[in-house]
Protein backbone atom coordinates (compact mmCIF):
# COMPACT_ATOMS: atom_id res chain seq x y z
CA MET A 1 43.88 -7.81 -37.50
CA ASN A 2 45.82 -9.93 -34.98
CA ASN A 3 43.26 -10.04 -32.13
CA VAL A 4 44.59 -11.08 -28.70
CA LEU A 5 42.79 -12.58 -25.69
CA LEU A 6 44.33 -12.25 -22.21
CA LEU A 7 43.30 -14.85 -19.61
CA THR A 8 43.85 -15.20 -15.88
CA ASP A 9 41.98 -17.14 -13.17
CA LYS A 10 40.45 -14.40 -11.05
CA LEU A 11 40.93 -10.73 -10.29
CA ILE A 12 42.21 -11.05 -6.73
CA VAL A 13 45.19 -9.13 -5.40
CA GLY A 14 48.29 -11.06 -6.43
CA GLY A 15 51.39 -10.83 -8.57
CA ALA A 16 50.06 -12.69 -11.62
CA GLU A 17 46.78 -10.79 -11.44
CA MET A 18 48.51 -7.40 -11.22
CA TYR A 19 50.65 -8.41 -14.21
CA PHE A 20 47.44 -9.27 -16.10
CA CYS A 21 45.99 -5.85 -15.25
CA LYS A 22 49.15 -4.09 -16.42
CA LEU A 23 48.93 -5.85 -19.76
CA GLU A 24 45.23 -5.05 -20.08
CA ASN A 25 45.88 -1.40 -19.22
CA HIS A 26 48.96 -0.76 -21.35
CA LEU A 27 49.03 -3.08 -24.37
CA ASP A 28 48.45 -0.90 -27.41
CA ASP A 29 48.92 -1.54 -31.11
CA GLU A 30 47.07 -0.04 -34.03
CA PHE A 31 46.81 -3.44 -35.70
CA ILE A 32 45.62 -5.43 -32.64
CA ASN A 33 42.37 -5.52 -30.67
CA PHE A 34 42.79 -6.73 -27.09
CA TYR A 35 40.20 -8.70 -25.12
CA SER A 36 40.44 -10.07 -21.59
CA ALA A 37 38.65 -12.57 -19.36
CA ALA A 38 38.81 -13.64 -15.71
CA ALA A 39 36.59 -14.44 -12.75
CA MET A 40 35.58 -11.35 -10.81
CA GLY A 41 37.48 -9.94 -7.84
CA GLU A 42 38.64 -6.72 -6.22
CA LEU A 43 40.98 -5.92 -9.13
CA TYR A 44 38.06 -5.56 -11.54
CA SER A 45 38.23 -1.82 -10.82
CA GLU A 46 41.70 -1.84 -12.41
CA ILE A 47 40.37 -3.08 -15.78
CA HIS A 48 40.37 -0.17 -18.24
CA ASN A 49 38.62 -1.63 -21.28
CA LYS A 50 35.59 -3.14 -19.59
CA GLN A 51 33.71 -3.27 -22.89
CA ASN A 52 36.25 -5.91 -24.03
CA PHE A 53 36.23 -7.83 -20.73
CA LEU A 54 34.44 -11.18 -20.34
CA PRO A 55 33.59 -12.18 -16.73
CA LEU A 56 34.10 -15.86 -15.94
CA LYS A 57 32.88 -18.07 -13.10
CA LEU A 58 35.25 -19.35 -10.42
CA LYS A 59 34.20 -23.01 -10.62
CA ASN A 60 31.98 -23.49 -13.68
CA HIS A 61 34.72 -24.52 -16.09
CA PHE A 62 32.38 -25.90 -18.77
CA LEU A 63 30.49 -22.61 -18.95
CA ASN A 64 33.76 -20.66 -19.00
CA ILE A 65 35.16 -22.67 -21.89
CA TYR A 66 31.87 -22.39 -23.80
CA LYS A 67 31.83 -18.58 -23.39
CA LEU A 68 35.46 -18.32 -24.42
CA ILE A 69 34.95 -20.50 -27.50
CA LYS A 70 32.16 -18.15 -28.60
CA LEU A 71 34.39 -15.14 -28.03
CA VAL A 72 37.32 -16.64 -29.94
CA ILE A 73 35.09 -17.40 -32.92
CA GLN A 74 33.14 -14.13 -32.90
CA LYS A 75 36.19 -11.88 -32.46
CA ASP A 76 38.50 -13.99 -34.63
CA ILE A 77 41.08 -14.31 -31.84
CA ARG A 78 44.52 -15.20 -33.20
CA VAL A 79 46.54 -15.18 -29.94
CA ILE A 80 45.56 -16.38 -26.46
CA HIS A 81 47.85 -15.29 -23.64
CA ALA A 82 47.32 -17.49 -20.55
CA ASN A 83 48.56 -16.29 -17.16
CA SER A 84 48.04 -19.50 -15.22
CA LEU A 85 48.30 -23.21 -15.90
CA ARG A 86 44.52 -23.56 -15.64
CA MET A 87 44.04 -20.87 -18.26
CA LEU A 88 46.60 -22.60 -20.46
CA LEU A 89 44.56 -25.80 -20.24
CA TYR A 90 41.48 -23.75 -21.17
CA SER A 91 43.39 -22.35 -24.14
CA ILE A 92 44.44 -25.78 -25.41
CA LEU A 93 40.83 -27.00 -25.26
CA ILE A 94 39.57 -23.85 -26.98
CA LYS A 95 42.08 -24.31 -29.79
CA LYS A 96 41.02 -27.93 -30.27
CA PHE A 97 37.29 -27.17 -30.25
CA THR A 98 37.51 -24.17 -32.60
CA ARG A 99 40.12 -25.77 -34.88
CA LYS A 100 41.57 -22.30 -35.36
CA ASN A 101 45.25 -21.61 -35.86
CA VAL A 102 45.54 -19.81 -32.52
CA ARG A 103 48.97 -18.90 -31.14
CA LEU A 104 49.26 -19.87 -27.46
CA VAL A 105 51.42 -17.74 -25.18
CA TYR A 106 51.92 -18.74 -21.53
CA THR A 107 53.48 -16.58 -18.83
CA LYS A 108 54.73 -18.80 -16.01
CA HIS A 109 54.37 -16.84 -12.80
CA ASN A 110 54.78 -19.53 -10.16
CA VAL A 111 55.63 -23.13 -9.38
CA THR A 112 52.69 -25.32 -10.40
CA ILE A 113 51.47 -28.52 -8.78
CA LEU A 114 51.66 -30.31 -12.14
CA GLU A 115 55.37 -29.64 -12.63
CA LYS A 116 56.11 -30.84 -9.08
CA LYS A 117 53.94 -33.97 -9.18
CA MET A 118 54.12 -34.92 -12.88
CA PRO A 119 57.07 -33.12 -14.50
CA LYS A 120 57.02 -35.30 -17.64
CA LEU A 121 53.37 -34.47 -18.34
CA PHE A 122 54.04 -30.80 -17.66
CA ARG A 123 56.98 -30.80 -20.09
CA GLU A 124 55.03 -32.52 -22.86
CA LEU A 125 52.08 -30.18 -22.36
CA LEU A 126 54.30 -27.15 -22.96
CA ASN A 127 56.38 -28.65 -25.77
CA GLN A 128 53.39 -29.89 -27.76
CA HIS A 129 50.92 -27.03 -27.35
CA VAL A 130 52.61 -23.72 -26.45
CA ASN A 131 54.10 -21.42 -29.08
CA GLN A 132 55.80 -19.02 -26.66
CA ILE A 133 56.56 -19.35 -22.95
CA ILE A 134 57.34 -16.13 -21.12
CA ALA A 135 59.61 -16.73 -18.14
CA VAL A 136 59.69 -13.77 -15.75
CA SER A 137 63.28 -14.50 -14.71
CA ASN A 138 66.33 -16.26 -16.09
CA PHE A 139 66.15 -18.51 -13.02
CA GLU A 140 62.75 -19.75 -14.17
CA ARG A 141 63.94 -20.07 -17.76
CA ALA A 142 66.78 -22.31 -16.60
CA ASN A 143 64.35 -24.31 -14.48
CA LEU A 144 62.10 -24.95 -17.49
CA ILE A 145 65.04 -26.03 -19.63
CA SER A 146 66.17 -28.42 -16.87
CA LEU A 147 62.70 -30.01 -17.04
CA GLY A 148 63.23 -30.63 -20.75
CA VAL A 149 61.08 -27.81 -22.11
CA ASN A 150 62.18 -26.73 -25.59
CA ASN A 151 64.67 -23.89 -25.23
CA ASP A 152 63.48 -22.27 -28.48
CA ILE A 153 60.01 -21.45 -27.16
CA ILE A 154 61.14 -19.84 -23.89
CA LYS A 155 61.75 -16.11 -23.65
CA THR A 156 62.66 -14.14 -20.52
CA ILE A 157 60.59 -10.99 -20.10
CA TYR A 158 61.06 -9.39 -16.72
CA ASN A 159 58.13 -7.91 -14.85
CA GLY A 160 58.00 -4.18 -15.43
CA VAL A 161 57.33 -1.28 -13.07
CA ASP A 162 55.64 1.97 -14.01
CA VAL A 163 58.40 4.25 -12.73
CA LYS A 164 56.04 7.24 -12.88
CA GLN A 165 53.50 5.55 -10.62
CA PHE A 166 56.20 4.21 -8.27
CA ALA A 167 58.23 7.39 -7.93
CA PHE A 168 61.45 7.59 -5.94
CA LYS A 169 61.05 9.06 -2.44
CA GLN A 170 63.43 10.32 0.21
CA LEU A 171 64.14 8.34 3.36
CA ARG A 172 61.57 8.61 6.13
CA SER A 173 62.47 10.52 9.28
CA ASN A 174 59.61 9.48 11.57
CA GLU A 175 60.04 8.39 15.17
CA THR A 176 59.24 4.74 14.42
CA PHE A 177 61.31 2.43 12.24
CA ASN A 178 58.75 0.69 10.03
CA ILE A 179 59.35 -2.83 8.73
CA GLY A 180 56.79 -4.27 6.34
CA ILE A 181 55.77 -7.21 4.23
CA LEU A 182 53.40 -6.91 1.26
CA ALA A 183 52.19 -10.34 0.21
CA ARG A 184 49.12 -12.54 0.07
CA LEU A 185 48.57 -14.35 3.37
CA SER A 186 49.37 -17.82 2.05
CA LYS A 187 51.80 -20.50 3.22
CA GLU A 188 54.39 -19.99 0.49
CA LYS A 189 54.81 -16.32 1.51
CA ASN A 190 56.01 -17.53 4.92
CA HIS A 191 54.55 -14.88 7.23
CA GLU A 192 55.56 -17.17 10.07
CA LEU A 193 59.18 -16.17 9.47
CA PHE A 194 58.22 -12.48 9.36
CA LEU A 195 56.63 -12.83 12.80
CA LYS A 196 59.66 -14.69 14.14
CA ILE A 197 61.81 -11.77 12.97
CA ALA A 198 59.45 -9.38 14.76
CA ASN A 199 59.79 -11.53 17.87
CA GLU A 200 63.59 -11.34 17.66
CA LEU A 201 63.31 -7.53 17.56
CA LYS A 202 60.45 -7.00 19.99
CA ASP A 203 62.75 -5.26 22.49
CA VAL A 204 63.71 -2.60 19.92
CA ASP A 205 61.39 0.13 21.16
CA ASN A 206 60.90 2.13 17.97
CA ALA A 207 60.62 -0.84 15.57
CA MET A 208 57.12 -1.49 14.20
CA PHE A 209 56.01 -4.30 11.89
CA TYR A 210 53.24 -4.08 9.29
CA ILE A 211 51.60 -6.87 7.29
CA ALA A 212 49.76 -5.77 4.13
CA GLY A 213 47.63 -8.32 2.31
CA ASP A 214 44.97 -10.90 3.00
CA GLY A 215 44.40 -14.55 2.27
CA PRO A 216 43.74 -18.04 3.65
CA GLU A 217 46.44 -17.85 6.34
CA ARG A 218 45.02 -14.75 8.06
CA GLU A 219 43.60 -16.65 11.05
CA TYR A 220 46.91 -18.47 11.55
CA VAL A 221 48.85 -15.19 11.38
CA GLU A 222 46.51 -13.51 13.87
CA ARG A 223 46.84 -16.45 16.27
CA MET A 224 50.63 -16.38 16.02
CA VAL A 225 50.69 -12.63 16.74
CA TYR A 226 48.64 -13.33 19.88
CA GLU A 227 50.73 -16.32 21.00
CA LEU A 228 54.01 -14.39 20.59
CA ASN A 229 52.51 -11.41 22.44
CA LEU A 230 53.26 -9.11 19.51
CA SER A 231 49.96 -7.22 19.33
CA ASN A 232 51.66 -3.96 20.23
CA LYS A 233 54.42 -4.48 17.62
CA VAL A 234 52.65 -6.04 14.60
CA LYS A 235 49.72 -4.53 12.72
CA LEU A 236 47.67 -6.37 10.06
CA LEU A 237 46.38 -3.94 7.45
CA GLY A 238 44.51 -6.26 5.06
CA ASN A 239 44.36 -5.63 1.32
CA LEU A 240 45.50 -2.20 0.24
CA SER A 241 44.12 0.05 -2.48
CA ASN A 242 47.43 1.93 -2.71
CA PRO A 243 50.53 -0.30 -2.40
CA TYR A 244 52.79 2.64 -3.33
CA GLU A 245 51.74 4.55 -0.22
CA PHE A 246 52.40 1.52 1.98
CA ILE A 247 55.84 0.88 0.48
CA CYS A 248 56.80 4.54 0.89
CA ASN A 249 55.81 4.43 4.55
CA MET A 250 58.20 1.55 5.22
CA ASP A 251 61.88 1.92 6.09
CA LEU A 252 62.48 -1.71 5.12
CA LEU A 253 60.44 -4.18 3.11
CA LEU A 254 61.08 -7.85 3.85
CA LEU A 255 60.50 -10.84 1.60
CA THR A 256 60.44 -14.15 3.47
CA SER A 257 58.87 -16.50 0.91
CA LEU A 258 59.54 -20.23 0.81
CA ARG A 259 59.59 -20.04 -3.00
CA GLU A 260 59.32 -17.32 -5.61
CA VAL A 261 59.81 -16.93 -9.34
CA PHE A 262 60.25 -13.16 -9.59
CA PRO A 263 57.96 -11.09 -7.33
CA MET A 264 56.67 -7.72 -8.53
CA VAL A 265 56.78 -6.22 -5.03
CA ILE A 266 60.58 -6.38 -5.08
CA LEU A 267 60.72 -4.13 -8.14
CA GLU A 268 58.08 -1.75 -6.80
CA ALA A 269 60.04 -1.26 -3.59
CA MET A 270 63.28 -0.79 -5.51
CA ALA A 271 61.62 1.86 -7.69
CA THR A 272 60.60 3.88 -4.63
CA GLY A 273 64.00 3.53 -2.98
CA THR A 274 62.65 1.53 -0.04
CA THR A 275 65.35 -0.91 1.05
CA ILE A 276 64.65 -4.58 0.36
CA VAL A 277 65.83 -7.39 2.63
CA SER A 278 64.96 -10.69 0.95
CA VAL A 279 65.69 -14.35 1.32
CA ASP A 280 67.69 -15.58 -1.68
CA VAL A 281 65.11 -17.67 -3.56
CA GLY A 282 64.06 -17.96 -7.20
CA GLY A 283 65.12 -15.16 -9.52
CA ILE A 284 65.27 -12.45 -6.87
CA LYS A 285 69.06 -12.10 -7.12
CA GLU A 286 68.61 -10.94 -10.72
CA ALA A 287 67.24 -7.68 -9.28
CA VAL A 288 68.46 -7.58 -5.68
CA LEU A 289 72.25 -7.46 -5.81
CA ASN A 290 73.59 -7.95 -2.31
CA TYR A 291 74.94 -4.72 -0.79
CA GLU A 292 74.24 -2.95 -4.10
CA THR A 293 70.48 -2.75 -4.71
CA GLY A 294 69.29 -4.49 -1.54
CA MET A 295 70.21 -7.17 0.94
CA LEU A 296 70.01 -10.94 0.46
CA ILE A 297 69.74 -13.48 3.29
CA PRO A 298 71.00 -16.95 2.25
CA ASP A 299 68.36 -18.96 4.11
CA HIS A 300 65.20 -18.64 6.18
CA SER A 301 66.89 -17.57 9.41
CA GLU A 302 65.05 -15.13 11.66
CA LYS A 303 68.31 -14.35 13.45
CA ASP A 304 70.11 -13.42 10.21
CA PHE A 305 67.17 -11.27 9.15
CA ALA A 306 67.07 -9.58 12.55
CA GLU A 307 70.79 -8.80 12.46
CA MET A 308 70.42 -7.28 9.00
CA VAL A 309 67.46 -5.17 10.14
CA LYS A 310 69.51 -3.81 13.05
CA LEU A 311 72.46 -3.06 10.74
CA LEU A 312 70.27 -1.12 8.34
CA GLN A 313 68.40 0.69 11.09
CA ASN A 314 71.70 2.04 12.37
CA ASP A 315 73.18 2.92 8.96
CA LYS A 316 71.05 5.50 7.20
CA ASP A 317 73.73 6.19 4.58
CA LEU A 318 73.76 2.53 3.56
CA ARG A 319 69.98 2.55 3.13
CA LEU A 320 70.16 5.76 1.10
CA ASN A 321 72.82 4.35 -1.24
CA LEU A 322 70.97 1.05 -1.66
CA GLY A 323 67.79 2.93 -2.52
CA LYS A 324 69.46 5.14 -5.14
CA ARG A 325 71.16 2.22 -6.86
CA ALA A 326 67.94 0.16 -6.73
CA ARG A 327 66.03 2.92 -8.51
CA ILE A 328 68.68 3.10 -11.25
CA LYS A 329 68.55 -0.69 -11.65
CA VAL A 330 64.76 -0.62 -12.13
CA GLU A 331 64.94 2.19 -14.68
CA GLU A 332 67.61 0.38 -16.67
CA SER A 333 66.36 -3.21 -16.54
CA PHE A 334 62.76 -3.47 -15.32
CA SER A 335 60.68 -0.75 -16.94
CA LEU A 336 57.03 -1.28 -17.82
CA THR A 337 57.68 0.06 -21.33
CA SER A 338 60.22 -2.69 -22.01
CA MET A 339 57.90 -5.38 -20.64
CA ILE A 340 54.98 -4.24 -22.80
CA GLN A 341 57.03 -4.03 -26.00
CA SER A 342 58.62 -7.45 -25.47
CA THR A 343 55.21 -8.97 -24.78
CA LEU A 344 53.80 -7.46 -27.97
CA ASP A 345 56.68 -9.06 -29.87
CA SER A 346 55.62 -12.45 -28.47
CA TYR A 347 52.25 -12.14 -30.17
CA ARG A 348 53.69 -11.93 -33.67
CA LEU A 349 52.82 -14.95 -35.78
């Protein structure tokens, strides 16, 4: 029996954490038992197999590693799949302490501090200890190779969308034109740009702006809304229990991030047919093809974003065609079924 342990930092709302939950929910193989572990958070309700879930502490790393070592020994874990750099470091220590022939799989979801500050150490860490690196975009795969990471251990597996859960919907016909962003309120998501775009369009009477998500930058975002006098145009909704409903209620979904690897929200919006307008960063162009499956803005310009919003607001046929082609693209290239099967293949010894 090839028992597998899934690890992530904590069950907060975020792309890597939602990916972790999808794996926990959908991985299935008659010859594999799946276990999972993370610090608690609002996504705990999404965990299906709670009897195989080990709760960790946010800051007590020694206790976490001790509990995980016990689990690895007791359940004869053969594969550990880490979904953050911290969890990869845990996994390396666990392997050393247990002296077991454990296969280490690492999905790289974001840009880490270690690779920015100490790229040589980051490269050696991956080359010496990781059996399989899952890159969620070809952009990230190329980035890892440029750092000197061994090409043979890197495999691109795109994030997958449950196309049944994120069903295609028809264009809205409400009085307001709704423009949204669905992202954690953190600096790299660049909500400042979203608010500058709203400010550029504040004289468009029927345009409304919605921010879904929460995080450390909430106070800054609220203050900026007040200072730009946008309280009647911008609504903060906090964390959502149903992202599908939010996406379907938007006419446009914007992505303004300073950096990205390959965000899940892009694919979820494409699956529903909601038009994406995104800055061209990371691997986004592998899904959002300009004027085909969405719109790409070359840099972080609020004026360029605002002009694109006005173009799309006035061209319903363009939005309809973009939405239809985006849905087809997701079905062909970014299905959850494909992601799950490819991930299972990565566990084979």
